[in-house]
Amino acid sequence: MDLARPLGVVTPTLDGDVLTALALAGAAFTAGQLHRVLPQHSEDGIRRVLNRLTGQGIVSADRVGSAYLYRLNRAHLAAEPITALAKLRARFLDLIEKMLAAWDPAPVYGAVFGSAARSTMRVDSDIDAVLVRPDTCDRAKWEDLVVTLAANITEWTGNDARVLEFTESEVRHAGREEPVLADVRDHGLTVAGSAAWLAQILGPKERARGTD
C-alpha cells in the first residue's frame, strides 16, 4: 500500500485522495483550495469528484457568495470507515511504537524514514526503518525481535520492510559520518526514543544553501 494515499487500498482514483484530504482536515475547502492540497490533480477533476461525492451525501457543499465550501459529512454512515482509512499512516506508526515499547530492552531510538516518511511512496515501495540497539542487549534475542517487526510491517501493509540497525556506540562515535542518519534526523518519523537524542549527537540540520 501507499501510506500517503491510504484510500488507495479500496479506490485508486482521485476520489480517494479527495476523501483523505477532507477526512484529515478540520476545515472546509473550495475546489481551488483542495487543488493546492492535491496539486498533482487538476482543479476541474477535483471539482467533478466533489460534485459526485456531494451527490452521494458523503461530502457537504455550502454556498458562500459565489463559491462553494466542501467538507466531509461526518454524520454520513460511511464517514467513520473513510476517516479510519485516511488515518492509516498514524495507525501504522502507533502499532510500531507500541511494539517497540514492549521490547526488553527497548531500542535507544527508532524511526521510519525514506519514502514512507516523505510521503513519496509507491504501492510497491519498501518501508524503511532504523533502530539503535542498546550496547548491552542480547544480540540473538534482539535479532529475533527485529525479524518479527519486519514480518509484522509486511503483514500490516503488504510492503517489504527493510530494518537498518546501529548500536548505540556506533551512533555516538561515527553517527555524523552516516548520511542515512542525517536523513533520519531531518525527515524521520520517530517511533522509539527521542528525536532530540539523535539531533544532539548528529548536530543541527544543515541549512539549505542560499537561505539566510
N, C-alpha and C. Protein backbone atom coordinates (compact mmCIF):
# COMPACT_ATOMS: atom_id res chain seq x y z
N MET A 1 0.83 -1.18 0.00
CA MET A 1 0.00 0.00 0.00
C MET A 1 0.88 1.25 0.00
N ASP A 2 0.27 2.37 -0.32
CA ASP A 2 0.93 3.66 -0.28
C ASP A 2 0.38 4.40 0.94
N LEU A 3 1.22 4.58 1.96
CA LEU A 3 0.75 5.21 3.20
C LEU A 3 0.33 6.65 3.00
N ALA A 4 0.81 7.29 1.94
CA ALA A 4 0.42 8.67 1.66
C ALA A 4 -0.94 8.73 0.97
N ARG A 5 -1.39 7.61 0.41
CA ARG A 5 -2.70 7.54 -0.27
C ARG A 5 -3.46 6.33 0.28
N PRO A 6 -3.83 6.38 1.56
CA PRO A 6 -4.37 5.19 2.22
C PRO A 6 -5.67 4.67 1.63
N LEU A 7 -6.51 5.55 1.06
CA LEU A 7 -7.75 5.05 0.48
C LEU A 7 -7.50 4.33 -0.84
N GLY A 8 -6.25 4.35 -1.30
CA GLY A 8 -5.90 3.58 -2.49
C GLY A 8 -6.09 2.09 -2.31
N VAL A 9 -6.20 1.62 -1.07
CA VAL A 9 -6.43 0.19 -0.86
C VAL A 9 -7.83 -0.21 -1.30
N VAL A 10 -8.74 0.77 -1.41
CA VAL A 10 -10.09 0.46 -1.86
C VAL A 10 -10.46 1.18 -3.15
N THR A 11 -9.83 2.33 -3.41
CA THR A 11 -10.09 3.04 -4.66
C THR A 11 -8.85 3.81 -5.08
N PRO A 12 -8.24 3.43 -6.22
CA PRO A 12 -7.02 4.11 -6.65
C PRO A 12 -7.28 5.41 -7.40
N THR A 13 -8.49 5.92 -7.32
CA THR A 13 -8.88 7.09 -8.10
C THR A 13 -8.71 8.38 -7.30
N LEU A 14 -8.96 9.50 -7.96
CA LEU A 14 -8.92 10.81 -7.32
C LEU A 14 -9.92 10.90 -6.17
N ASP A 15 -11.00 10.17 -6.24
CA ASP A 15 -11.98 10.17 -5.16
C ASP A 15 -11.33 9.88 -3.81
N GLY A 16 -10.43 8.90 -3.78
CA GLY A 16 -9.78 8.54 -2.54
C GLY A 16 -8.91 9.65 -2.00
N ASP A 17 -8.19 10.34 -2.89
CA ASP A 17 -7.33 11.45 -2.45
C ASP A 17 -8.17 12.60 -1.90
N VAL A 18 -9.28 12.90 -2.56
CA VAL A 18 -10.14 13.98 -2.08
C VAL A 18 -10.75 13.62 -0.73
N LEU A 19 -11.23 12.41 -0.58
CA LEU A 19 -11.81 11.99 0.68
C LEU A 19 -10.78 11.98 1.80
N THR A 20 -9.55 11.58 1.50
CA THR A 20 -8.50 11.60 2.50
C THR A 20 -8.23 13.02 2.99
N ALA A 21 -8.10 13.96 2.04
CA ALA A 21 -7.85 15.35 2.41
C ALA A 21 -8.97 15.91 3.27
N LEU A 22 -10.21 15.62 2.91
CA LEU A 22 -11.34 16.14 3.69
C LEU A 22 -11.44 15.46 5.05
N ALA A 23 -11.15 14.15 5.10
CA ALA A 23 -11.26 13.42 6.36
C ALA A 23 -10.22 13.88 7.37
N LEU A 24 -9.04 14.25 6.90
CA LEU A 24 -7.97 14.65 7.80
C LEU A 24 -8.04 16.12 8.19
N ALA A 25 -8.86 16.87 7.50
CA ALA A 25 -8.93 18.31 7.75
C ALA A 25 -10.03 18.63 8.75
N GLY A 26 -9.82 19.70 9.47
CA GLY A 26 -10.86 20.18 10.37
C GLY A 26 -11.56 21.38 9.81
N ALA A 27 -11.43 21.61 8.50
CA ALA A 27 -12.00 22.79 7.87
C ALA A 27 -12.61 22.41 6.54
N ALA A 28 -13.39 23.34 6.00
CA ALA A 28 -13.97 23.16 4.67
C ALA A 28 -13.05 23.80 3.63
N PHE A 29 -13.15 23.33 2.39
CA PHE A 29 -12.29 23.80 1.31
C PHE A 29 -13.12 24.17 0.09
N THR A 30 -12.65 25.15 -0.65
CA THR A 30 -13.16 25.34 -2.00
C THR A 30 -12.42 24.35 -2.90
N ALA A 31 -12.89 24.20 -4.12
CA ALA A 31 -12.20 23.32 -5.07
C ALA A 31 -10.78 23.82 -5.32
N GLY A 32 -10.62 25.14 -5.39
CA GLY A 32 -9.29 25.70 -5.59
C GLY A 32 -8.35 25.42 -4.43
N GLN A 33 -8.86 25.50 -3.22
CA GLN A 33 -8.03 25.22 -2.05
C GLN A 33 -7.63 23.75 -2.01
N LEU A 34 -8.56 22.86 -2.37
CA LEU A 34 -8.22 21.44 -2.43
C LEU A 34 -7.17 21.18 -3.51
N HIS A 35 -7.23 21.93 -4.59
CA HIS A 35 -6.24 21.77 -5.65
C HIS A 35 -4.85 22.11 -5.13
N ARG A 36 -4.74 23.08 -4.23
CA ARG A 36 -3.44 23.41 -3.65
C ARG A 36 -2.96 22.31 -2.72
N VAL A 37 -3.89 21.61 -2.09
CA VAL A 37 -3.54 20.46 -1.25
C VAL A 37 -3.15 19.26 -2.11
N LEU A 38 -3.80 19.13 -3.26
CA LEU A 38 -3.59 17.99 -4.17
C LEU A 38 -3.13 18.50 -5.53
N PRO A 39 -1.95 19.12 -5.61
CA PRO A 39 -1.53 19.76 -6.87
C PRO A 39 -1.26 18.80 -8.01
N GLN A 40 -1.15 17.50 -7.70
CA GLN A 40 -0.91 16.52 -8.75
C GLN A 40 -2.16 16.26 -9.59
N HIS A 41 -3.31 16.78 -9.13
CA HIS A 41 -4.56 16.60 -9.86
C HIS A 41 -5.06 17.95 -10.37
N SER A 42 -5.86 17.92 -11.42
CA SER A 42 -6.39 19.17 -11.97
C SER A 42 -7.54 19.69 -11.12
N GLU A 43 -7.73 21.01 -11.14
CA GLU A 43 -8.83 21.58 -10.38
C GLU A 43 -10.17 21.14 -10.96
N ASP A 44 -10.26 21.02 -12.28
CA ASP A 44 -11.52 20.55 -12.88
C ASP A 44 -11.83 19.13 -12.42
N GLY A 45 -10.81 18.28 -12.37
CA GLY A 45 -11.03 16.91 -11.92
C GLY A 45 -11.48 16.86 -10.47
N ILE A 46 -10.88 17.69 -9.63
CA ILE A 46 -11.28 17.75 -8.22
C ILE A 46 -12.72 18.23 -8.10
N ARG A 47 -13.09 19.23 -8.90
CA ARG A 47 -14.46 19.76 -8.85
C ARG A 47 -15.47 18.67 -9.26
N ARG A 48 -15.13 17.90 -10.29
CA ARG A 48 -16.05 16.83 -10.72
C ARG A 48 -16.22 15.78 -9.61
N VAL A 49 -15.12 15.44 -8.95
CA VAL A 49 -15.19 14.47 -7.86
C VAL A 49 -16.03 15.02 -6.71
N LEU A 50 -15.83 16.28 -6.37
CA LEU A 50 -16.61 16.89 -5.29
C LEU A 50 -18.10 16.86 -5.62
N ASN A 51 -18.44 17.15 -6.84
CA ASN A 51 -19.85 17.11 -7.24
C ASN A 51 -20.41 15.70 -7.11
N ARG A 52 -19.62 14.71 -7.53
CA ARG A 52 -20.09 13.32 -7.45
C ARG A 52 -20.24 12.90 -5.99
N LEU A 53 -19.27 13.25 -5.14
CA LEU A 53 -19.34 12.85 -3.74
C LEU A 53 -20.44 13.60 -3.00
N THR A 54 -20.72 14.83 -3.43
CA THR A 54 -21.85 15.57 -2.85
C THR A 54 -23.15 14.86 -3.17
N GLY A 55 -23.23 14.35 -4.39
CA GLY A 55 -24.43 13.61 -4.78
C GLY A 55 -24.62 12.35 -3.96
N GLN A 56 -23.49 11.76 -3.49
CA GLN A 56 -23.57 10.56 -2.64
C GLN A 56 -23.87 10.92 -1.18
N GLY A 57 -23.78 12.21 -0.86
CA GLY A 57 -24.07 12.64 0.51
C GLY A 57 -22.88 12.59 1.45
N ILE A 58 -21.76 12.00 1.03
CA ILE A 58 -20.60 11.90 1.91
C ILE A 58 -19.86 13.23 2.03
N VAL A 59 -20.06 14.11 1.06
CA VAL A 59 -19.50 15.45 1.11
C VAL A 59 -20.64 16.46 1.15
N SER A 60 -20.51 17.47 2.00
CA SER A 60 -21.49 18.54 2.08
C SER A 60 -20.93 19.78 1.40
N ALA A 61 -21.79 20.50 0.68
CA ALA A 61 -21.40 21.71 -0.02
C ALA A 61 -22.23 22.88 0.50
N ASP A 62 -21.56 23.90 0.95
CA ASP A 62 -22.22 25.10 1.45
C ASP A 62 -21.82 26.29 0.58
N ARG A 63 -22.83 26.99 0.07
CA ARG A 63 -22.54 28.14 -0.78
C ARG A 63 -22.20 29.35 0.07
N VAL A 64 -21.07 29.98 -0.25
CA VAL A 64 -20.63 31.20 0.41
C VAL A 64 -20.31 32.21 -0.69
N GLY A 65 -21.22 33.17 -0.89
CA GLY A 65 -21.05 34.08 -2.01
C GLY A 65 -21.17 33.34 -3.31
N SER A 66 -20.16 33.48 -4.16
CA SER A 66 -20.17 32.80 -5.45
C SER A 66 -19.43 31.47 -5.41
N ALA A 67 -18.91 31.09 -4.25
CA ALA A 67 -18.12 29.87 -4.14
C ALA A 67 -18.84 28.83 -3.29
N TYR A 68 -18.36 27.59 -3.40
CA TYR A 68 -18.87 26.50 -2.56
C TYR A 68 -17.74 26.01 -1.66
N LEU A 69 -18.09 25.77 -0.40
CA LEU A 69 -17.16 25.18 0.55
C LEU A 69 -17.56 23.72 0.77
N TYR A 70 -16.58 22.83 0.65
CA TYR A 70 -16.84 21.40 0.74
C TYR A 70 -16.19 20.83 2.00
N ARG A 71 -16.92 19.94 2.66
CA ARG A 71 -16.39 19.27 3.85
C ARG A 71 -16.94 17.85 3.89
N LEU A 72 -16.25 17.01 4.62
CA LEU A 72 -16.75 15.65 4.82
C LEU A 72 -17.98 15.70 5.71
N ASN A 73 -19.04 15.03 5.28
CA ASN A 73 -20.25 14.94 6.10
C ASN A 73 -20.03 13.84 7.14
N ARG A 74 -19.61 14.23 8.34
CA ARG A 74 -19.22 13.27 9.36
C ARG A 74 -20.41 12.54 9.98
N ALA A 75 -21.62 12.97 9.64
CA ALA A 75 -22.81 12.24 10.09
C ALA A 75 -23.16 11.10 9.13
N HIS A 76 -22.52 11.07 7.97
CA HIS A 76 -22.79 10.04 6.98
C HIS A 76 -22.33 8.67 7.50
N LEU A 77 -23.06 7.63 7.14
CA LEU A 77 -22.71 6.29 7.61
C LEU A 77 -21.33 5.86 7.15
N ALA A 78 -20.86 6.38 6.02
CA ALA A 78 -19.55 5.99 5.51
C ALA A 78 -18.41 6.83 6.07
N ALA A 79 -18.72 7.88 6.82
CA ALA A 79 -17.68 8.80 7.27
C ALA A 79 -16.68 8.14 8.21
N GLU A 80 -17.18 7.32 9.12
CA GLU A 80 -16.28 6.69 10.10
C GLU A 80 -15.27 5.76 9.45
N PRO A 81 -15.68 4.82 8.58
CA PRO A 81 -14.67 3.98 7.94
C PRO A 81 -13.75 4.76 7.02
N ILE A 82 -14.24 5.80 6.35
CA ILE A 82 -13.38 6.61 5.50
C ILE A 82 -12.32 7.31 6.33
N THR A 83 -12.71 7.86 7.47
CA THR A 83 -11.76 8.55 8.34
C THR A 83 -10.74 7.57 8.89
N ALA A 84 -11.19 6.37 9.25
CA ALA A 84 -10.25 5.35 9.74
C ALA A 84 -9.21 5.01 8.68
N LEU A 85 -9.64 4.87 7.42
CA LEU A 85 -8.70 4.60 6.34
C LEU A 85 -7.75 5.77 6.12
N ALA A 86 -8.28 6.98 6.19
CA ALA A 86 -7.45 8.16 5.98
C ALA A 86 -6.34 8.27 7.01
N LYS A 87 -6.57 7.71 8.19
CA LYS A 87 -5.60 7.80 9.28
C LYS A 87 -4.71 6.56 9.37
N LEU A 88 -4.59 5.79 8.29
CA LEU A 88 -3.84 4.54 8.35
C LEU A 88 -2.36 4.77 8.68
N ARG A 89 -1.76 5.85 8.17
CA ARG A 89 -0.34 6.06 8.46
C ARG A 89 -0.13 6.28 9.95
N ALA A 90 -0.98 7.09 10.57
CA ALA A 90 -0.87 7.31 12.01
C ALA A 90 -1.09 6.01 12.77
N ARG A 91 -2.05 5.20 12.33
CA ARG A 91 -2.32 3.92 12.95
C ARG A 91 -1.11 2.99 12.81
N PHE A 92 -0.50 2.99 11.65
CA PHE A 92 0.68 2.17 11.39
C PHE A 92 1.83 2.55 12.34
N LEU A 93 2.10 3.85 12.45
CA LEU A 93 3.17 4.30 13.34
C LEU A 93 2.86 3.97 14.80
N ASP A 94 1.59 4.06 15.17
CA ASP A 94 1.20 3.73 16.54
C ASP A 94 1.44 2.26 16.84
N LEU A 95 1.16 1.39 15.88
CA LEU A 95 1.40 -0.04 16.08
C LEU A 95 2.88 -0.32 16.28
N ILE A 96 3.74 0.33 15.50
CA ILE A 96 5.18 0.13 15.66
C ILE A 96 5.63 0.65 17.02
N GLU A 97 5.16 1.83 17.41
CA GLU A 97 5.54 2.41 18.70
C GLU A 97 5.20 1.45 19.85
N LYS A 98 4.00 0.91 19.82
CA LYS A 98 3.57 0.01 20.90
C LYS A 98 4.40 -1.28 20.90
N MET A 99 4.72 -1.77 19.72
CA MET A 99 5.51 -2.99 19.64
C MET A 99 6.92 -2.77 20.20
N LEU A 100 7.55 -1.66 19.81
CA LEU A 100 8.91 -1.38 20.27
C LEU A 100 8.94 -1.07 21.76
N ALA A 101 7.89 -0.44 22.27
CA ALA A 101 7.84 -0.11 23.70
C ALA A 101 7.80 -1.37 24.56
N ALA A 102 7.32 -2.47 23.99
CA ALA A 102 7.22 -3.73 24.74
C ALA A 102 8.51 -4.54 24.70
N TRP A 103 9.48 -4.12 23.88
CA TRP A 103 10.74 -4.86 23.81
C TRP A 103 11.53 -4.71 25.10
N ASP A 104 12.27 -5.73 25.46
CA ASP A 104 13.13 -5.68 26.64
C ASP A 104 14.52 -6.20 26.25
N PRO A 105 15.47 -5.28 26.04
CA PRO A 105 15.37 -3.83 26.23
C PRO A 105 14.75 -3.16 25.02
N ALA A 106 14.20 -1.97 25.24
CA ALA A 106 13.64 -1.19 24.15
C ALA A 106 14.77 -0.55 23.34
N PRO A 107 14.52 -0.22 22.08
CA PRO A 107 15.55 0.48 21.31
C PRO A 107 15.89 1.83 21.94
N VAL A 108 17.15 2.22 21.81
CA VAL A 108 17.54 3.55 22.24
C VAL A 108 16.82 4.59 21.39
N TYR A 109 16.68 4.26 20.12
CA TYR A 109 15.97 5.16 19.19
C TYR A 109 15.46 4.32 18.02
N GLY A 110 14.34 4.74 17.46
CA GLY A 110 13.80 4.09 16.27
C GLY A 110 13.00 5.08 15.45
N ALA A 111 13.01 4.89 14.14
CA ALA A 111 12.25 5.78 13.26
C ALA A 111 11.94 5.09 11.95
N VAL A 112 10.86 5.52 11.35
CA VAL A 112 10.54 5.19 9.96
C VAL A 112 11.09 6.33 9.11
N PHE A 113 11.76 6.00 8.01
CA PHE A 113 12.33 7.04 7.18
C PHE A 113 12.14 6.69 5.70
N GLY A 114 12.77 7.44 4.82
CA GLY A 114 12.64 7.17 3.40
C GLY A 114 11.30 7.63 2.85
N SER A 115 10.83 6.95 1.82
CA SER A 115 9.62 7.39 1.12
C SER A 115 8.38 7.35 2.01
N ALA A 116 8.34 6.43 2.97
CA ALA A 116 7.17 6.36 3.87
C ALA A 116 7.09 7.60 4.75
N ALA A 117 8.23 8.18 5.10
CA ALA A 117 8.25 9.40 5.92
C ALA A 117 8.06 10.65 5.07
N ARG A 118 8.55 10.62 3.84
CA ARG A 118 8.49 11.78 2.96
C ARG A 118 7.18 11.87 2.18
N SER A 119 6.32 10.88 2.33
CA SER A 119 5.06 10.80 1.57
C SER A 119 5.31 10.74 0.08
N THR A 120 6.36 10.00 -0.31
CA THR A 120 6.67 9.81 -1.73
C THR A 120 6.61 8.33 -2.10
N MET A 121 5.88 7.54 -1.33
CA MET A 121 5.79 6.11 -1.57
C MET A 121 5.09 5.79 -2.88
N ARG A 122 5.37 4.60 -3.38
CA ARG A 122 4.54 3.93 -4.37
C ARG A 122 3.94 2.70 -3.70
N VAL A 123 2.99 2.10 -4.36
CA VAL A 123 2.36 0.92 -3.77
C VAL A 123 3.38 -0.18 -3.49
N ASP A 124 4.42 -0.29 -4.35
CA ASP A 124 5.40 -1.35 -4.21
C ASP A 124 6.67 -0.91 -3.48
N SER A 125 6.65 0.25 -2.85
CA SER A 125 7.84 0.74 -2.14
C SER A 125 8.13 -0.09 -0.90
N ASP A 126 9.41 -0.21 -0.59
CA ASP A 126 9.79 -0.77 0.71
C ASP A 126 9.47 0.24 1.80
N ILE A 127 9.28 -0.25 3.01
CA ILE A 127 9.17 0.62 4.17
C ILE A 127 10.46 0.50 4.96
N ASP A 128 11.16 1.64 5.08
CA ASP A 128 12.47 1.66 5.73
C ASP A 128 12.33 2.09 7.18
N ALA A 129 13.02 1.37 8.05
CA ALA A 129 13.06 1.72 9.47
C ALA A 129 14.50 1.63 9.96
N VAL A 130 14.83 2.43 10.95
CA VAL A 130 16.14 2.38 11.57
C VAL A 130 15.95 2.16 13.06
N LEU A 131 16.79 1.30 13.63
CA LEU A 131 16.75 1.01 15.06
C LEU A 131 18.16 1.15 15.63
N VAL A 132 18.24 1.76 16.80
CA VAL A 132 19.51 1.86 17.52
C VAL A 132 19.44 0.90 18.70
N ARG A 133 20.33 -0.09 18.66
CA ARG A 133 20.32 -1.16 19.65
C ARG A 133 21.17 -0.80 20.86
N PRO A 134 20.66 -1.04 22.07
CA PRO A 134 21.49 -0.83 23.26
C PRO A 134 22.74 -1.71 23.20
N ASP A 135 23.86 -1.21 23.63
CA ASP A 135 25.12 -1.96 23.54
C ASP A 135 25.10 -3.24 24.36
N THR A 136 24.33 -3.26 25.43
CA THR A 136 24.39 -4.38 26.36
C THR A 136 23.33 -5.45 26.14
N CYS A 137 22.49 -5.31 25.11
CA CYS A 137 21.39 -6.28 24.96
C CYS A 137 21.89 -7.58 24.35
N ASP A 138 21.10 -8.63 24.54
CA ASP A 138 21.41 -9.93 23.96
C ASP A 138 21.20 -9.89 22.45
N ARG A 139 22.24 -10.13 21.68
CA ARG A 139 22.17 -9.96 20.23
C ARG A 139 21.18 -10.93 19.58
N ALA A 140 21.19 -12.19 20.00
CA ALA A 140 20.30 -13.18 19.39
C ALA A 140 18.84 -12.84 19.65
N LYS A 141 18.55 -12.45 20.88
CA LYS A 141 17.17 -12.07 21.22
C LYS A 141 16.75 -10.85 20.41
N TRP A 142 17.64 -9.90 20.28
CA TRP A 142 17.35 -8.68 19.53
C TRP A 142 17.05 -9.00 18.07
N GLU A 143 17.85 -9.87 17.46
CA GLU A 143 17.64 -10.22 16.05
C GLU A 143 16.28 -10.88 15.84
N ASP A 144 15.86 -11.70 16.80
CA ASP A 144 14.53 -12.31 16.70
C ASP A 144 13.44 -11.25 16.73
N LEU A 145 13.60 -10.24 17.59
CA LEU A 145 12.62 -9.17 17.67
C LEU A 145 12.57 -8.37 16.37
N VAL A 146 13.73 -8.11 15.78
CA VAL A 146 13.77 -7.35 14.53
C VAL A 146 13.09 -8.11 13.40
N VAL A 147 13.34 -9.42 13.33
CA VAL A 147 12.70 -10.25 12.31
C VAL A 147 11.18 -10.20 12.46
N THR A 148 10.71 -10.27 13.70
CA THR A 148 9.27 -10.22 13.95
C THR A 148 8.70 -8.87 13.56
N LEU A 149 9.42 -7.79 13.88
CA LEU A 149 8.97 -6.46 13.49
C LEU A 149 8.84 -6.34 11.98
N ALA A 150 9.85 -6.77 11.25
CA ALA A 150 9.81 -6.68 9.80
C ALA A 150 8.64 -7.49 9.22
N ALA A 151 8.42 -8.67 9.79
CA ALA A 151 7.31 -9.50 9.32
C ALA A 151 5.97 -8.84 9.60
N ASN A 152 5.83 -8.20 10.75
CA ASN A 152 4.57 -7.52 11.07
C ASN A 152 4.33 -6.32 10.18
N ILE A 153 5.38 -5.56 9.89
CA ILE A 153 5.22 -4.42 8.98
C ILE A 153 4.68 -4.88 7.63
N THR A 154 5.23 -5.98 7.12
CA THR A 154 4.77 -6.51 5.84
C THR A 154 3.33 -7.01 5.94
N GLU A 155 3.00 -7.65 7.05
CA GLU A 155 1.63 -8.15 7.21
C GLU A 155 0.64 -6.99 7.34
N TRP A 156 1.03 -5.92 8.03
CA TRP A 156 0.14 -4.78 8.22
C TRP A 156 -0.10 -4.00 6.94
N THR A 157 0.91 -3.95 6.06
CA THR A 157 0.84 -3.04 4.90
C THR A 157 0.90 -3.73 3.54
N GLY A 158 1.48 -4.92 3.48
CA GLY A 158 1.72 -5.56 2.20
C GLY A 158 3.04 -5.15 1.57
N ASN A 159 3.78 -4.24 2.21
CA ASN A 159 5.06 -3.78 1.69
C ASN A 159 6.22 -4.52 2.35
N ASP A 160 7.29 -4.72 1.59
CA ASP A 160 8.50 -5.28 2.19
C ASP A 160 9.07 -4.27 3.18
N ALA A 161 9.65 -4.78 4.26
CA ALA A 161 10.25 -3.93 5.28
C ALA A 161 11.76 -4.10 5.27
N ARG A 162 12.48 -2.99 5.38
CA ARG A 162 13.93 -3.00 5.50
C ARG A 162 14.30 -2.31 6.80
N VAL A 163 14.89 -3.05 7.71
CA VAL A 163 15.25 -2.51 9.02
C VAL A 163 16.77 -2.35 9.07
N LEU A 164 17.21 -1.12 9.19
CA LEU A 164 18.63 -0.80 9.30
C LEU A 164 18.97 -0.65 10.77
N GLU A 165 20.07 -1.29 11.21
CA GLU A 165 20.41 -1.29 12.62
C GLU A 165 21.77 -0.65 12.88
N PHE A 166 21.85 0.06 13.99
CA PHE A 166 23.10 0.58 14.52
C PHE A 166 23.13 0.28 16.01
N THR A 167 24.33 0.11 16.56
CA THR A 167 24.44 0.06 18.01
C THR A 167 24.51 1.50 18.54
N GLU A 168 24.23 1.64 19.81
CA GLU A 168 24.31 2.97 20.41
C GLU A 168 25.72 3.54 20.28
N SER A 169 26.73 2.69 20.47
CA SER A 169 28.11 3.16 20.36
C SER A 169 28.43 3.61 18.94
N GLU A 170 27.92 2.88 17.95
CA GLU A 170 28.17 3.27 16.55
C GLU A 170 27.61 4.65 16.26
N VAL A 171 26.42 4.92 16.76
CA VAL A 171 25.81 6.23 16.53
C VAL A 171 26.60 7.32 17.24
N ARG A 172 26.98 7.05 18.48
CA ARG A 172 27.70 8.08 19.25
C ARG A 172 29.08 8.38 18.67
N HIS A 173 29.76 7.35 18.18
CA HIS A 173 31.15 7.52 17.75
C HIS A 173 31.29 7.86 16.26
N ALA A 174 30.36 7.40 15.43
CA ALA A 174 30.51 7.61 14.00
C ALA A 174 29.22 8.03 13.31
N GLY A 175 28.20 8.42 14.10
CA GLY A 175 26.91 8.76 13.51
C GLY A 175 26.95 9.92 12.54
N ARG A 176 27.85 10.88 12.80
CA ARG A 176 27.94 12.05 11.92
C ARG A 176 28.42 11.67 10.52
N GLU A 177 29.03 10.50 10.38
CA GLU A 177 29.55 10.06 9.09
C GLU A 177 28.54 9.23 8.31
N GLU A 178 27.37 8.99 8.87
CA GLU A 178 26.35 8.16 8.23
C GLU A 178 25.28 9.04 7.59
N PRO A 179 25.27 9.18 6.26
CA PRO A 179 24.27 10.02 5.61
C PRO A 179 22.84 9.60 5.91
N VAL A 180 22.62 8.29 6.09
CA VAL A 180 21.26 7.83 6.34
C VAL A 180 20.75 8.35 7.67
N LEU A 181 21.64 8.50 8.65
CA LEU A 181 21.20 9.03 9.94
C LEU A 181 20.86 10.51 9.85
N ALA A 182 21.57 11.23 9.00
CA ALA A 182 21.22 12.63 8.78
C ALA A 182 19.83 12.73 8.15
N ASP A 183 19.52 11.81 7.24
CA ASP A 183 18.19 11.80 6.63
C ASP A 183 17.13 11.47 7.66
N VAL A 184 17.44 10.53 8.55
CA VAL A 184 16.50 10.18 9.63
C VAL A 184 16.28 11.38 10.53
N ARG A 185 17.36 12.06 10.90
CA ARG A 185 17.22 13.25 11.75
C ARG A 185 16.34 14.30 11.10
N ASP A 186 16.52 14.52 9.80
CA ASP A 186 15.82 15.61 9.10
C ASP A 186 14.39 15.26 8.72
N HIS A 187 14.13 13.98 8.43
CA HIS A 187 12.81 13.63 7.88
C HIS A 187 12.15 12.42 8.54
N GLY A 188 12.86 11.75 9.44
CA GLY A 188 12.32 10.51 10.00
C GLY A 188 11.13 10.74 10.92
N LEU A 189 10.32 9.70 11.06
CA LEU A 189 9.17 9.70 11.95
C LEU A 189 9.52 8.82 13.14
N THR A 190 9.77 9.45 14.27
CA THR A 190 10.25 8.74 15.46
C THR A 190 9.20 7.78 16.01
N VAL A 191 9.62 6.55 16.27
CA VAL A 191 8.71 5.55 16.84
C VAL A 191 9.27 4.94 18.12
N ALA A 192 10.47 5.33 18.51
CA ALA A 192 11.04 4.87 19.78
C ALA A 192 12.10 5.88 20.21
N GLY A 193 12.18 6.13 21.50
CA GLY A 193 13.15 7.09 21.99
C GLY A 193 12.76 8.51 21.64
N SER A 194 13.77 9.37 21.57
CA SER A 194 13.55 10.80 21.35
C SER A 194 14.34 11.29 20.15
N ALA A 195 13.67 12.03 19.27
CA ALA A 195 14.37 12.63 18.13
C ALA A 195 15.45 13.60 18.60
N ALA A 196 15.24 14.21 19.77
CA ALA A 196 16.23 15.15 20.31
C ALA A 196 17.55 14.43 20.62
N TRP A 197 17.47 13.16 21.02
CA TRP A 197 18.69 12.38 21.31
C TRP A 197 19.55 12.28 20.06
N LEU A 198 18.92 11.93 18.93
CA LEU A 198 19.68 11.80 17.69
C LEU A 198 20.20 13.15 17.22
N ALA A 199 19.38 14.17 17.31
CA ALA A 199 19.80 15.50 16.88
C ALA A 199 20.96 16.02 17.71
N GLN A 200 20.97 15.69 19.00
CA GLN A 200 22.06 16.14 19.87
C GLN A 200 23.38 15.51 19.45
N ILE A 201 23.34 14.25 19.05
CA ILE A 201 24.55 13.55 18.64
C ILE A 201 25.03 14.02 17.27
N LEU A 202 24.10 14.15 16.32
CA LEU A 202 24.48 14.48 14.95
C LEU A 202 24.69 15.97 14.74
N GLY A 203 24.14 16.78 15.62
CA GLY A 203 24.18 18.21 15.40
C GLY A 203 22.93 18.67 14.67
N PRO A 204 22.76 19.98 14.54
CA PRO A 204 21.54 20.52 13.90
C PRO A 204 21.48 20.20 12.42
N LYS A 205 20.27 20.24 11.91
CA LYS A 205 20.04 20.07 10.49
C LYS A 205 20.77 21.13 9.70
N GLU A 206 21.43 20.72 8.60
CA GLU A 206 22.14 21.68 7.77
C GLU A 206 21.16 22.58 7.06
N ARG A 207 21.47 23.85 7.05
CA ARG A 207 20.59 24.83 6.38
C ARG A 207 20.83 24.78 4.89
N ALA A 208 19.75 24.91 4.12
CA ALA A 208 19.85 24.86 2.66
C ALA A 208 20.68 26.03 2.17
N ARG A 209 21.41 25.81 1.09
CA ARG A 209 22.21 26.88 0.51
C ARG A 209 21.32 28.00 -0.02
N GLY A 210 21.81 29.19 0.17
CA GLY A 210 21.07 30.33 -0.35
C GLY A 210 20.05 30.89 0.62
N THR A 211 19.93 30.26 1.83
CA THR A 211 18.98 30.77 2.81
C THR A 211 19.70 31.67 3.79
N ASP A 212 18.97 32.57 4.42
CA ASP A 212 19.58 33.48 5.39
C ASP A 212 19.70 32.79 6.74
